[in-house]
Amino acid sequence: MGVPKRRTSKTRKNKRRSIWGQMAAPSLVECPQCHQLKQNHRVCPKCGYYKGREVIKVAE
């Protein structure tokens, strides 16, 4: 079984853990049906349309 030769320093450990703070928020685009913001390549949660077709029924 492999055993580390040296202890991982605090700086190296913290650099590895800090990547989550640097991740960008998901990009938003305008829905062509209802003009609300939605995530790219996903069904619009407001109207239920994706690529011009109604995929899910949304109760209004």
Protein backbone atom coordinates (compact mmCIF):
# COMPACT_ATOMS: atom_id res chain seq x y z
CA MET A 1 0.00 0.00 0.00
CA GLY A 2 1.36 3.43 -0.91
CA VAL A 3 2.28 5.71 1.95
CA PRO A 4 3.11 9.44 1.47
CA LYS A 5 6.80 10.18 1.95
CA ARG A 6 6.20 13.70 3.24
CA ARG A 7 3.39 15.45 5.02
CA THR A 8 1.18 17.68 2.83
CA SER A 9 1.81 21.30 3.79
CA LYS A 10 -1.00 23.63 4.88
CA THR A 11 -0.45 25.81 1.82
CA ARG A 12 -0.67 22.91 -0.61
CA LYS A 13 -3.77 21.56 1.13
CA ASN A 14 -5.49 24.97 1.11
CA LYS A 15 -4.65 25.58 -2.57
CA ARG A 16 -6.29 22.28 -3.45
CA ARG A 17 -9.40 23.10 -1.43
CA SER A 18 -9.77 26.68 -2.68
CA ILE A 19 -10.70 25.74 -6.27
CA TRP A 20 -14.42 25.63 -5.32
CA GLY A 21 -14.39 29.33 -4.54
CA GLN A 22 -13.02 30.10 -8.01
CA MET A 23 -15.72 28.28 -10.00
CA ALA A 24 -17.92 30.53 -12.13
CA ALA A 25 -21.68 30.70 -11.71
CA PRO A 26 -23.72 28.96 -14.44
CA SER A 27 -24.38 31.15 -17.46
CA LEU A 28 -27.97 32.24 -18.06
CA VAL A 29 -29.71 32.84 -21.38
CA GLU A 30 -33.09 34.27 -22.28
CA CYS A 31 -35.90 31.81 -23.03
CA PRO A 32 -37.26 32.47 -26.55
CA GLN A 33 -40.84 31.64 -25.45
CA CYS A 34 -41.36 33.57 -22.20
CA HIS A 35 -38.19 35.74 -22.17
CA GLN A 36 -37.22 34.68 -18.65
CA LEU A 37 -33.64 33.78 -17.73
CA LYS A 38 -32.84 30.07 -17.74
CA GLN A 39 -29.74 27.86 -17.80
CA ASN A 40 -28.29 26.94 -21.17
CA HIS A 41 -29.41 23.58 -22.69
CA ARG A 42 -32.14 23.04 -20.10
CA VAL A 43 -35.93 23.19 -20.03
CA CYS A 44 -37.29 26.58 -19.00
CA PRO A 45 -38.76 26.23 -15.49
CA LYS A 46 -41.29 29.03 -16.12
CA CYS A 47 -42.94 27.83 -19.35
CA GLY A 48 -41.67 24.24 -19.78
CA TYR A 49 -40.36 24.71 -23.33
CA TYR A 50 -37.08 23.46 -24.80
CA LYS A 51 -36.01 24.03 -28.42
CA GLY A 52 -39.48 25.30 -29.37
CA ARG A 53 -41.35 22.25 -28.02
CA GLU A 54 -43.32 21.93 -24.80
CA VAL A 55 -41.46 19.28 -22.80
CA ILE A 56 -43.15 19.56 -19.39
CA LYS A 57 -46.52 20.92 -18.37
CA VAL A 58 -46.23 23.84 -15.95
CA ALA A 59 -49.22 24.69 -13.75
CA GLU A 60 -49.92 28.42 -13.89
